[in-house]
Amino acid sequence: MKKLYAIAICFVLLAVSFTSVFAGKWVDPVNAPFYLVPSGTSNIVSSDLAGGKVHIVDPMGNASLIIQGNIVGLLPNTSYDVWVRNLNGYTGDYLQYVPSLGYFKFVTLTTDDFGNADFHIMMKADELPDGTYQIQVAINPAGVLRTVIATQWPGYMVTVDSK
């Protein structure tokens, strides 16, 4: 019987040790579809789904926020800008900032022969303060402040916690 208790205690200690190695915050990613924006303004997003989606996650470690997306079915071989709205306090790299709209332009991409493209944006923990952000991602033709597809507005709530 003592042997059984000793084995059980060893098993519990091993399980606790093993679990602590992999412990950390649990992150529920946001998966947001793109919608058509016939008005040209991301404040008025239609309920008509466009191709593609955005995946937003607050990971552990040096990254504070990762935004990945794919766009599907836009004009082929065309350049588009990727804008992210409501990143108050962001201090990292970006291509352009429009304070009146709260948008940062992070990436310019070119669609393939089928009008598809992917993007990846990573913000470091020291570039984006911990907090809750109501994020919207918008896609505009390059150099034009006219949105063609976007995630819904108001945006998706994402909590950034670097711990």
N, C-alpha and C. Protein backbone atom coordinates (compact mmCIF):
# COMPACT_ATOMS: atom_id res chain seq x y z
N MET A 1 0.81 -1.18 0.00
CA MET A 1 0.00 0.00 0.00
C MET A 1 0.86 1.26 0.00
N LYS A 2 1.97 1.21 0.81
CA LYS A 2 2.88 2.35 0.85
C LYS A 2 3.47 2.61 -0.53
N LYS A 3 3.74 1.53 -1.23
CA LYS A 3 4.31 1.67 -2.58
C LYS A 3 3.32 2.37 -3.51
N LEU A 4 2.05 2.05 -3.39
CA LEU A 4 1.00 2.66 -4.20
C LEU A 4 0.89 4.16 -3.90
N TYR A 5 0.97 4.53 -2.62
CA TYR A 5 0.95 5.94 -2.24
C TYR A 5 2.17 6.68 -2.80
N ALA A 6 3.31 6.06 -2.71
CA ALA A 6 4.54 6.67 -3.21
C ALA A 6 4.45 6.89 -4.72
N ILE A 7 3.91 5.94 -5.43
CA ILE A 7 3.75 6.09 -6.88
C ILE A 7 2.76 7.21 -7.19
N ALA A 8 1.67 7.25 -6.44
CA ALA A 8 0.66 8.30 -6.65
C ALA A 8 1.25 9.67 -6.37
N ILE A 9 2.03 9.81 -5.31
CA ILE A 9 2.66 11.10 -4.99
C ILE A 9 3.65 11.49 -6.08
N CYS A 10 4.44 10.57 -6.54
CA CYS A 10 5.39 10.86 -7.63
C CYS A 10 4.64 11.29 -8.89
N PHE A 11 3.55 10.61 -9.18
CA PHE A 11 2.75 10.95 -10.36
C PHE A 11 2.21 12.38 -10.27
N VAL A 12 1.68 12.74 -9.08
CA VAL A 12 1.14 14.09 -8.87
C VAL A 12 2.25 15.13 -9.01
N LEU A 13 3.39 14.88 -8.41
CA LEU A 13 4.51 15.83 -8.49
C LEU A 13 4.98 15.99 -9.93
N LEU A 14 5.08 14.90 -10.65
CA LEU A 14 5.48 14.99 -12.06
C LEU A 14 4.46 15.76 -12.88
N ALA A 15 3.18 15.51 -12.63
CA ALA A 15 2.12 16.20 -13.37
C ALA A 15 2.16 17.70 -13.11
N VAL A 16 2.35 18.09 -11.84
CA VAL A 16 2.43 19.52 -11.50
C VAL A 16 3.66 20.15 -12.14
N SER A 17 4.78 19.47 -12.08
CA SER A 17 6.01 20.00 -12.69
C SER A 17 5.86 20.14 -14.19
N PHE A 18 5.30 19.13 -14.82
CA PHE A 18 5.12 19.14 -16.27
C PHE A 18 4.17 20.27 -16.68
N THR A 19 3.08 20.44 -15.92
CA THR A 19 2.10 21.47 -16.23
C THR A 19 2.70 22.86 -16.08
N SER A 20 3.53 23.09 -15.07
CA SER A 20 4.09 24.42 -14.86
C SER A 20 5.03 24.82 -15.98
N VAL A 21 5.66 23.85 -16.63
CA VAL A 21 6.53 24.18 -17.76
C VAL A 21 5.72 24.78 -18.89
N PHE A 22 4.49 24.31 -19.09
CA PHE A 22 3.67 24.76 -20.19
C PHE A 22 2.62 25.78 -19.76
N ALA A 23 2.70 26.20 -18.51
CA ALA A 23 1.71 27.17 -18.03
C ALA A 23 1.94 28.52 -18.68
N GLY A 24 0.94 29.31 -18.71
CA GLY A 24 0.98 30.64 -19.29
C GLY A 24 -0.45 31.06 -19.53
N LYS A 25 -0.60 32.21 -20.10
CA LYS A 25 -1.97 32.67 -20.31
C LYS A 25 -2.62 31.90 -21.45
N TRP A 26 -3.90 31.70 -21.34
CA TRP A 26 -4.67 31.08 -22.40
C TRP A 26 -5.22 32.19 -23.27
N VAL A 27 -5.08 32.07 -24.56
CA VAL A 27 -5.49 33.12 -25.48
C VAL A 27 -6.59 32.60 -26.40
N ASP A 28 -7.70 33.32 -26.43
CA ASP A 28 -8.76 33.01 -27.37
C ASP A 28 -8.62 33.96 -28.55
N PRO A 29 -8.18 33.47 -29.70
CA PRO A 29 -8.01 34.35 -30.85
C PRO A 29 -9.34 34.84 -31.39
N VAL A 30 -9.29 35.98 -32.05
CA VAL A 30 -10.46 36.53 -32.73
C VAL A 30 -10.35 36.15 -34.20
N ASN A 31 -11.38 35.57 -34.75
CA ASN A 31 -11.45 35.27 -36.17
C ASN A 31 -12.56 36.12 -36.76
N ALA A 32 -12.18 37.06 -37.62
CA ALA A 32 -13.14 38.04 -38.14
C ALA A 32 -13.19 37.98 -39.66
N PRO A 33 -14.36 37.80 -40.22
CA PRO A 33 -14.48 37.81 -41.69
C PRO A 33 -14.42 39.23 -42.23
N PHE A 34 -14.09 39.33 -43.49
CA PHE A 34 -14.15 40.61 -44.19
C PHE A 34 -15.54 40.78 -44.80
N TYR A 35 -15.98 42.03 -44.85
CA TYR A 35 -17.26 42.40 -45.45
C TYR A 35 -17.02 43.46 -46.51
N LEU A 36 -17.91 43.52 -47.49
CA LEU A 36 -17.83 44.55 -48.53
C LEU A 36 -18.14 45.92 -47.91
N VAL A 37 -17.51 46.95 -48.47
CA VAL A 37 -17.72 48.32 -48.01
C VAL A 37 -18.05 49.19 -49.23
N PRO A 38 -19.28 49.10 -49.75
CA PRO A 38 -19.64 49.87 -50.94
C PRO A 38 -19.63 51.38 -50.71
N SER A 39 -19.78 51.81 -49.45
CA SER A 39 -19.79 53.23 -49.13
C SER A 39 -18.39 53.85 -49.24
N GLY A 40 -17.35 53.02 -49.17
CA GLY A 40 -15.98 53.53 -49.20
C GLY A 40 -15.46 53.94 -47.84
N THR A 41 -16.32 54.00 -46.83
CA THR A 41 -15.89 54.35 -45.48
C THR A 41 -16.05 53.15 -44.55
N SER A 42 -15.02 52.90 -43.77
CA SER A 42 -15.06 51.73 -42.88
C SER A 42 -16.02 51.92 -41.71
N ASN A 43 -16.59 53.11 -41.56
CA ASN A 43 -17.62 53.31 -40.55
C ASN A 43 -18.94 52.66 -40.94
N ILE A 44 -19.11 52.42 -42.26
CA ILE A 44 -20.36 51.84 -42.77
C ILE A 44 -20.00 50.57 -43.56
N VAL A 45 -19.96 49.46 -42.84
CA VAL A 45 -19.61 48.18 -43.43
C VAL A 45 -20.91 47.42 -43.72
N SER A 46 -21.02 46.85 -44.90
CA SER A 46 -22.25 46.12 -45.25
C SER A 46 -22.30 44.78 -44.52
N SER A 47 -23.38 44.08 -44.66
CA SER A 47 -23.50 42.73 -44.10
C SER A 47 -23.16 41.66 -45.12
N ASP A 48 -22.68 42.10 -46.31
CA ASP A 48 -22.31 41.16 -47.38
C ASP A 48 -20.87 40.70 -47.19
N LEU A 49 -20.71 39.39 -46.98
CA LEU A 49 -19.37 38.84 -46.80
C LEU A 49 -18.52 39.03 -48.04
N ALA A 50 -17.28 39.39 -47.82
CA ALA A 50 -16.27 39.42 -48.89
C ALA A 50 -15.39 38.18 -48.66
N GLY A 51 -14.50 37.92 -49.56
CA GLY A 51 -13.60 36.78 -49.37
C GLY A 51 -12.53 37.11 -48.34
N GLY A 52 -12.12 36.11 -47.62
CA GLY A 52 -11.00 36.26 -46.69
C GLY A 52 -11.43 36.52 -45.26
N LYS A 53 -10.42 36.59 -44.39
CA LYS A 53 -10.67 36.80 -42.97
C LYS A 53 -9.42 37.31 -42.29
N VAL A 54 -9.60 37.70 -41.03
CA VAL A 54 -8.51 38.19 -40.20
C VAL A 54 -8.46 37.33 -38.94
N HIS A 55 -7.27 37.02 -38.49
CA HIS A 55 -7.03 36.25 -37.28
C HIS A 55 -6.21 37.16 -36.35
N ILE A 56 -6.76 37.50 -35.18
CA ILE A 56 -6.08 38.40 -34.24
C ILE A 56 -5.84 37.64 -32.95
N VAL A 57 -4.59 37.67 -32.47
CA VAL A 57 -4.26 36.95 -31.25
C VAL A 57 -3.28 37.76 -30.41
N ASP A 58 -3.43 37.66 -29.09
CA ASP A 58 -2.52 38.25 -28.12
C ASP A 58 -1.68 37.10 -27.56
N PRO A 59 -0.49 36.87 -28.14
CA PRO A 59 0.31 35.72 -27.74
C PRO A 59 1.14 36.01 -26.48
N MET A 60 1.83 35.01 -26.02
CA MET A 60 2.76 35.18 -24.91
C MET A 60 4.11 35.60 -25.49
N GLY A 61 4.98 36.08 -24.63
CA GLY A 61 6.33 36.39 -25.04
C GLY A 61 6.49 37.82 -25.52
N ASN A 62 7.42 38.03 -26.43
CA ASN A 62 7.78 39.36 -26.89
C ASN A 62 6.72 40.00 -27.77
N ALA A 63 5.86 39.22 -28.36
CA ALA A 63 4.82 39.77 -29.23
C ALA A 63 3.61 40.17 -28.38
N SER A 64 3.11 41.38 -28.62
CA SER A 64 1.95 41.87 -27.89
C SER A 64 0.66 41.57 -28.65
N LEU A 65 0.73 41.64 -29.97
CA LEU A 65 -0.45 41.42 -30.79
C LEU A 65 0.00 40.95 -32.18
N ILE A 66 -0.67 39.93 -32.69
CA ILE A 66 -0.40 39.45 -34.05
C ILE A 66 -1.71 39.49 -34.82
N ILE A 67 -1.64 40.09 -36.00
CA ILE A 67 -2.80 40.17 -36.89
C ILE A 67 -2.40 39.53 -38.21
N GLN A 68 -3.08 38.44 -38.55
CA GLN A 68 -2.82 37.76 -39.81
C GLN A 68 -4.11 37.76 -40.62
N GLY A 69 -3.97 37.88 -41.91
CA GLY A 69 -5.17 37.87 -42.71
C GLY A 69 -4.93 37.38 -44.11
N ASN A 70 -6.03 37.04 -44.74
CA ASN A 70 -5.98 36.71 -46.16
C ASN A 70 -7.16 37.41 -46.82
N ILE A 71 -6.88 37.95 -47.97
CA ILE A 71 -7.94 38.57 -48.77
C ILE A 71 -8.14 37.71 -50.01
N VAL A 72 -9.39 37.60 -50.40
CA VAL A 72 -9.76 36.71 -51.49
C VAL A 72 -10.70 37.44 -52.44
N GLY A 73 -10.39 37.37 -53.71
CA GLY A 73 -11.33 37.83 -54.72
C GLY A 73 -11.35 39.33 -55.00
N LEU A 74 -10.28 40.04 -54.64
CA LEU A 74 -10.20 41.45 -55.05
C LEU A 74 -9.63 41.52 -56.46
N LEU A 75 -9.36 42.70 -56.94
CA LEU A 75 -8.81 42.83 -58.29
C LEU A 75 -7.46 42.13 -58.39
N PRO A 76 -7.23 41.37 -59.45
CA PRO A 76 -5.95 40.68 -59.60
C PRO A 76 -4.81 41.66 -59.85
N ASN A 77 -3.63 41.28 -59.38
CA ASN A 77 -2.39 42.03 -59.62
C ASN A 77 -2.55 43.51 -59.27
N THR A 78 -3.15 43.78 -58.14
CA THR A 78 -3.43 45.14 -57.69
C THR A 78 -2.86 45.34 -56.30
N SER A 79 -2.32 46.52 -56.03
CA SER A 79 -1.76 46.83 -54.71
C SER A 79 -2.85 47.36 -53.77
N TYR A 80 -2.81 46.89 -52.54
CA TYR A 80 -3.76 47.29 -51.49
C TYR A 80 -2.99 47.61 -50.21
N ASP A 81 -3.54 48.55 -49.44
CA ASP A 81 -2.98 48.89 -48.14
C ASP A 81 -3.80 48.21 -47.05
N VAL A 82 -3.12 47.75 -45.99
CA VAL A 82 -3.77 47.13 -44.84
C VAL A 82 -3.69 48.13 -43.69
N TRP A 83 -4.88 48.53 -43.21
CA TRP A 83 -5.01 49.51 -42.13
C TRP A 83 -5.60 48.83 -40.90
N VAL A 84 -5.13 49.23 -39.72
CA VAL A 84 -5.67 48.72 -38.46
C VAL A 84 -6.08 49.93 -37.62
N ARG A 85 -7.30 49.87 -37.12
CA ARG A 85 -7.90 50.98 -36.38
C ARG A 85 -7.92 50.74 -34.87
N ASN A 86 -7.71 51.82 -34.13
CA ASN A 86 -7.84 51.87 -32.67
C ASN A 86 -6.72 51.17 -31.92
N LEU A 87 -5.50 51.53 -32.20
CA LEU A 87 -4.34 51.01 -31.47
C LEU A 87 -3.76 52.14 -30.63
N ASN A 88 -4.57 52.72 -29.76
CA ASN A 88 -4.15 53.86 -28.96
C ASN A 88 -2.88 53.55 -28.19
N GLY A 89 -1.89 54.41 -28.31
CA GLY A 89 -0.63 54.23 -27.60
C GLY A 89 0.41 53.43 -28.36
N TYR A 90 0.10 52.95 -29.57
CA TYR A 90 1.06 52.16 -30.36
C TYR A 90 2.25 53.03 -30.74
N THR A 91 3.47 52.53 -30.55
CA THR A 91 4.69 53.29 -30.82
C THR A 91 5.64 52.60 -31.78
N GLY A 92 5.25 51.49 -32.36
CA GLY A 92 6.14 50.73 -33.25
C GLY A 92 6.13 51.27 -34.67
N ASP A 93 6.68 50.47 -35.57
CA ASP A 93 6.80 50.85 -36.98
C ASP A 93 5.46 50.77 -37.69
N TYR A 94 5.26 51.68 -38.62
CA TYR A 94 4.09 51.69 -39.49
C TYR A 94 4.43 52.53 -40.71
N LEU A 95 3.62 52.42 -41.75
CA LEU A 95 3.87 53.16 -42.98
C LEU A 95 3.21 54.54 -42.98
N GLN A 96 2.06 54.64 -42.32
CA GLN A 96 1.33 55.91 -42.29
C GLN A 96 0.34 55.87 -41.13
N TYR A 97 0.04 57.05 -40.59
CA TYR A 97 -0.94 57.15 -39.51
C TYR A 97 -1.90 58.29 -39.84
N VAL A 98 -3.18 58.03 -39.68
CA VAL A 98 -4.21 59.06 -39.88
C VAL A 98 -4.91 59.25 -38.53
N PRO A 99 -4.43 60.23 -37.72
CA PRO A 99 -4.97 60.41 -36.36
C PRO A 99 -6.48 60.67 -36.33
N SER A 100 -7.00 61.41 -37.28
CA SER A 100 -8.43 61.73 -37.26
C SER A 100 -9.31 60.49 -37.41
N LEU A 101 -8.78 59.45 -38.03
CA LEU A 101 -9.52 58.20 -38.22
C LEU A 101 -9.06 57.10 -37.26
N GLY A 102 -7.91 57.32 -36.61
CA GLY A 102 -7.37 56.31 -35.70
C GLY A 102 -6.79 55.10 -36.40
N TYR A 103 -6.38 55.28 -37.66
CA TYR A 103 -5.86 54.16 -38.46
C TYR A 103 -4.36 54.22 -38.65
N PHE A 104 -3.72 53.04 -38.52
CA PHE A 104 -2.32 52.85 -38.87
C PHE A 104 -2.26 51.99 -40.13
N LYS A 105 -1.49 52.44 -41.11
CA LYS A 105 -1.24 51.59 -42.29
C LYS A 105 0.04 50.82 -42.01
N PHE A 106 -0.07 49.48 -42.07
CA PHE A 106 1.07 48.62 -41.75
C PHE A 106 1.72 47.99 -42.97
N VAL A 107 0.94 47.62 -43.95
CA VAL A 107 1.45 46.81 -45.05
C VAL A 107 0.81 47.26 -46.36
N THR A 108 1.60 47.25 -47.43
CA THR A 108 1.06 47.34 -48.78
C THR A 108 1.36 46.01 -49.44
N LEU A 109 0.36 45.38 -50.00
CA LEU A 109 0.53 44.08 -50.63
C LEU A 109 -0.02 44.10 -52.05
N THR A 110 0.33 43.12 -52.82
CA THR A 110 -0.18 43.00 -54.19
C THR A 110 -0.87 41.65 -54.34
N THR A 111 -2.07 41.68 -54.85
CA THR A 111 -2.81 40.44 -55.06
C THR A 111 -2.21 39.63 -56.20
N ASP A 112 -2.48 38.36 -56.20
CA ASP A 112 -2.00 37.48 -57.27
C ASP A 112 -2.95 37.52 -58.47
N ASP A 113 -2.76 36.62 -59.41
CA ASP A 113 -3.59 36.58 -60.61
C ASP A 113 -5.07 36.31 -60.33
N PHE A 114 -5.38 35.84 -59.11
CA PHE A 114 -6.76 35.53 -58.75
C PHE A 114 -7.36 36.56 -57.79
N GLY A 115 -6.58 37.60 -57.45
CA GLY A 115 -7.05 38.63 -56.53
C GLY A 115 -6.90 38.26 -55.07
N ASN A 116 -6.00 37.34 -54.76
CA ASN A 116 -5.80 36.87 -53.39
C ASN A 116 -4.44 37.32 -52.86
N ALA A 117 -4.35 37.50 -51.55
CA ALA A 117 -3.09 37.86 -50.91
C ALA A 117 -3.19 37.59 -49.41
N ASP A 118 -2.05 37.49 -48.75
CA ASP A 118 -1.96 37.29 -47.31
C ASP A 118 -1.16 38.41 -46.69
N PHE A 119 -1.39 38.66 -45.39
CA PHE A 119 -0.57 39.64 -44.67
C PHE A 119 -0.36 39.18 -43.24
N HIS A 120 0.69 39.72 -42.63
CA HIS A 120 1.08 39.38 -41.26
C HIS A 120 1.63 40.64 -40.60
N ILE A 121 1.05 41.00 -39.45
CA ILE A 121 1.50 42.17 -38.70
C ILE A 121 1.77 41.70 -37.28
N MET A 122 2.97 42.04 -36.75
CA MET A 122 3.29 41.70 -35.38
C MET A 122 3.70 42.95 -34.64
N MET A 123 3.09 43.19 -33.50
CA MET A 123 3.45 44.32 -32.64
C MET A 123 4.12 43.76 -31.40
N LYS A 124 5.25 44.34 -31.04
CA LYS A 124 6.01 43.87 -29.88
C LYS A 124 5.39 44.40 -28.59
N ALA A 125 5.69 43.70 -27.50
CA ALA A 125 5.12 44.04 -26.20
C ALA A 125 5.46 45.46 -25.77
N ASP A 126 6.64 45.96 -26.14
CA ASP A 126 7.01 47.32 -25.74
C ASP A 126 6.46 48.38 -26.70
N GLU A 127 5.72 47.98 -27.72
CA GLU A 127 5.16 48.92 -28.70
C GLU A 127 3.66 49.19 -28.51
N LEU A 128 2.98 48.28 -27.85
CA LEU A 128 1.53 48.40 -27.66
C LEU A 128 1.21 48.16 -26.19
N PRO A 129 0.72 49.20 -25.49
CA PRO A 129 0.44 49.04 -24.06
C PRO A 129 -0.64 47.99 -23.80
N ASP A 130 -0.53 47.34 -22.65
CA ASP A 130 -1.59 46.43 -22.22
C ASP A 130 -2.90 47.19 -22.14
N GLY A 131 -3.97 46.53 -22.51
CA GLY A 131 -5.28 47.16 -22.46
C GLY A 131 -6.25 46.46 -23.38
N THR A 132 -7.44 47.02 -23.48
CA THR A 132 -8.47 46.47 -24.35
C THR A 132 -8.64 47.38 -25.55
N TYR A 133 -8.64 46.79 -26.72
CA TYR A 133 -8.73 47.54 -27.98
C TYR A 133 -9.90 47.04 -28.80
N GLN A 134 -10.61 47.96 -29.41
CA GLN A 134 -11.72 47.62 -30.30
C GLN A 134 -11.17 47.75 -31.72
N ILE A 135 -10.67 46.65 -32.27
CA ILE A 135 -9.87 46.66 -33.49
C ILE A 135 -10.72 46.41 -34.73
N GLN A 136 -10.43 47.20 -35.77
CA GLN A 136 -11.00 46.97 -37.09
C GLN A 136 -9.84 46.94 -38.08
N VAL A 137 -9.92 46.04 -39.05
CA VAL A 137 -8.94 45.96 -40.13
C VAL A 137 -9.65 46.33 -41.43
N ALA A 138 -9.02 47.24 -42.19
CA ALA A 138 -9.61 47.70 -43.45
C ALA A 138 -8.60 47.56 -44.58
N ILE A 139 -9.10 47.24 -45.75
CA ILE A 139 -8.27 47.09 -46.95
C ILE A 139 -8.70 48.16 -47.95
N ASN A 140 -7.71 48.97 -48.37
CA ASN A 140 -7.95 50.05 -49.33
C ASN A 140 -7.05 49.86 -50.54
N PRO A 141 -7.48 50.32 -51.72
CA PRO A 141 -6.54 50.37 -52.84
C PRO A 141 -5.33 51.21 -52.42
N ALA A 142 -4.13 50.81 -52.82
CA ALA A 142 -2.91 51.48 -52.39
C ALA A 142 -2.97 52.98 -52.65
N GLY A 143 -2.65 53.75 -51.60
CA GLY A 143 -2.58 55.20 -51.73
C GLY A 143 -3.92 55.92 -51.71
N VAL A 144 -5.01 55.18 -51.50
CA VAL A 144 -6.35 55.77 -51.55
C VAL A 144 -7.03 55.56 -50.20
N LEU A 145 -7.64 56.60 -49.64
CA LEU A 145 -8.37 56.46 -48.37
C LEU A 145 -9.83 56.13 -48.65
N ARG A 146 -10.03 55.01 -49.33
CA ARG A 146 -11.37 54.51 -49.66
C ARG A 146 -11.35 53.00 -49.43
N THR A 147 -12.08 52.56 -48.44
CA THR A 147 -12.07 51.16 -48.05
C THR A 147 -12.93 50.32 -48.99
N VAL A 148 -12.41 49.14 -49.38
CA VAL A 148 -13.18 48.22 -50.23
C VAL A 148 -13.70 47.02 -49.45
N ILE A 149 -12.92 46.53 -48.49
CA ILE A 149 -13.38 45.48 -47.58
C ILE A 149 -12.84 45.79 -46.19
N ALA A 150 -13.58 45.35 -45.16
CA ALA A 150 -13.16 45.58 -43.78
C ALA A 150 -13.84 44.59 -42.86
N THR A 151 -13.30 44.46 -41.67
CA THR A 151 -14.01 43.73 -40.63
C THR A 151 -15.09 44.67 -40.09
N GLN A 152 -16.03 44.12 -39.36
CA GLN A 152 -17.17 44.92 -38.89
C GLN A 152 -16.74 46.08 -37.99
N TRP A 153 -17.55 47.11 -38.00
CA TRP A 153 -17.39 48.25 -37.09
C TRP A 153 -18.66 48.40 -36.29
N PRO A 154 -18.70 48.57 -34.99
CA PRO A 154 -17.49 48.71 -34.18
C PRO A 154 -16.65 47.44 -34.23
N GLY A 155 -15.39 47.62 -33.94
CA GLY A 155 -14.41 46.54 -34.11
C GLY A 155 -14.55 45.42 -33.08
N TYR A 156 -13.67 44.47 -33.20
CA TYR A 156 -13.62 43.31 -32.32
C TYR A 156 -12.80 43.64 -31.08
N MET A 157 -13.32 43.28 -29.91
CA MET A 157 -12.63 43.55 -28.66
C MET A 157 -11.48 42.56 -28.49
N VAL A 158 -10.28 43.11 -28.29
CA VAL A 158 -9.09 42.30 -28.06
C VAL A 158 -8.39 42.85 -26.83
N THR A 159 -8.10 41.98 -25.90
CA THR A 159 -7.37 42.39 -24.69
C THR A 159 -5.91 42.00 -24.85
N VAL A 160 -5.04 42.99 -24.71
CA VAL A 160 -3.60 42.78 -24.81
C VAL A 160 -3.06 42.74 -23.39
N ASP A 161 -2.36 41.67 -23.07
CA ASP A 161 -1.78 41.50 -21.76
C ASP A 161 -0.43 40.83 -21.94
N SER A 162 0.65 41.57 -21.73
CA SER A 162 1.98 41.07 -22.02
C SER A 162 2.49 40.09 -20.95
N LYS A 163 1.71 39.84 -19.93
CA LYS A 163 2.15 38.93 -18.86
C LYS A 163 1.86 37.49 -19.22
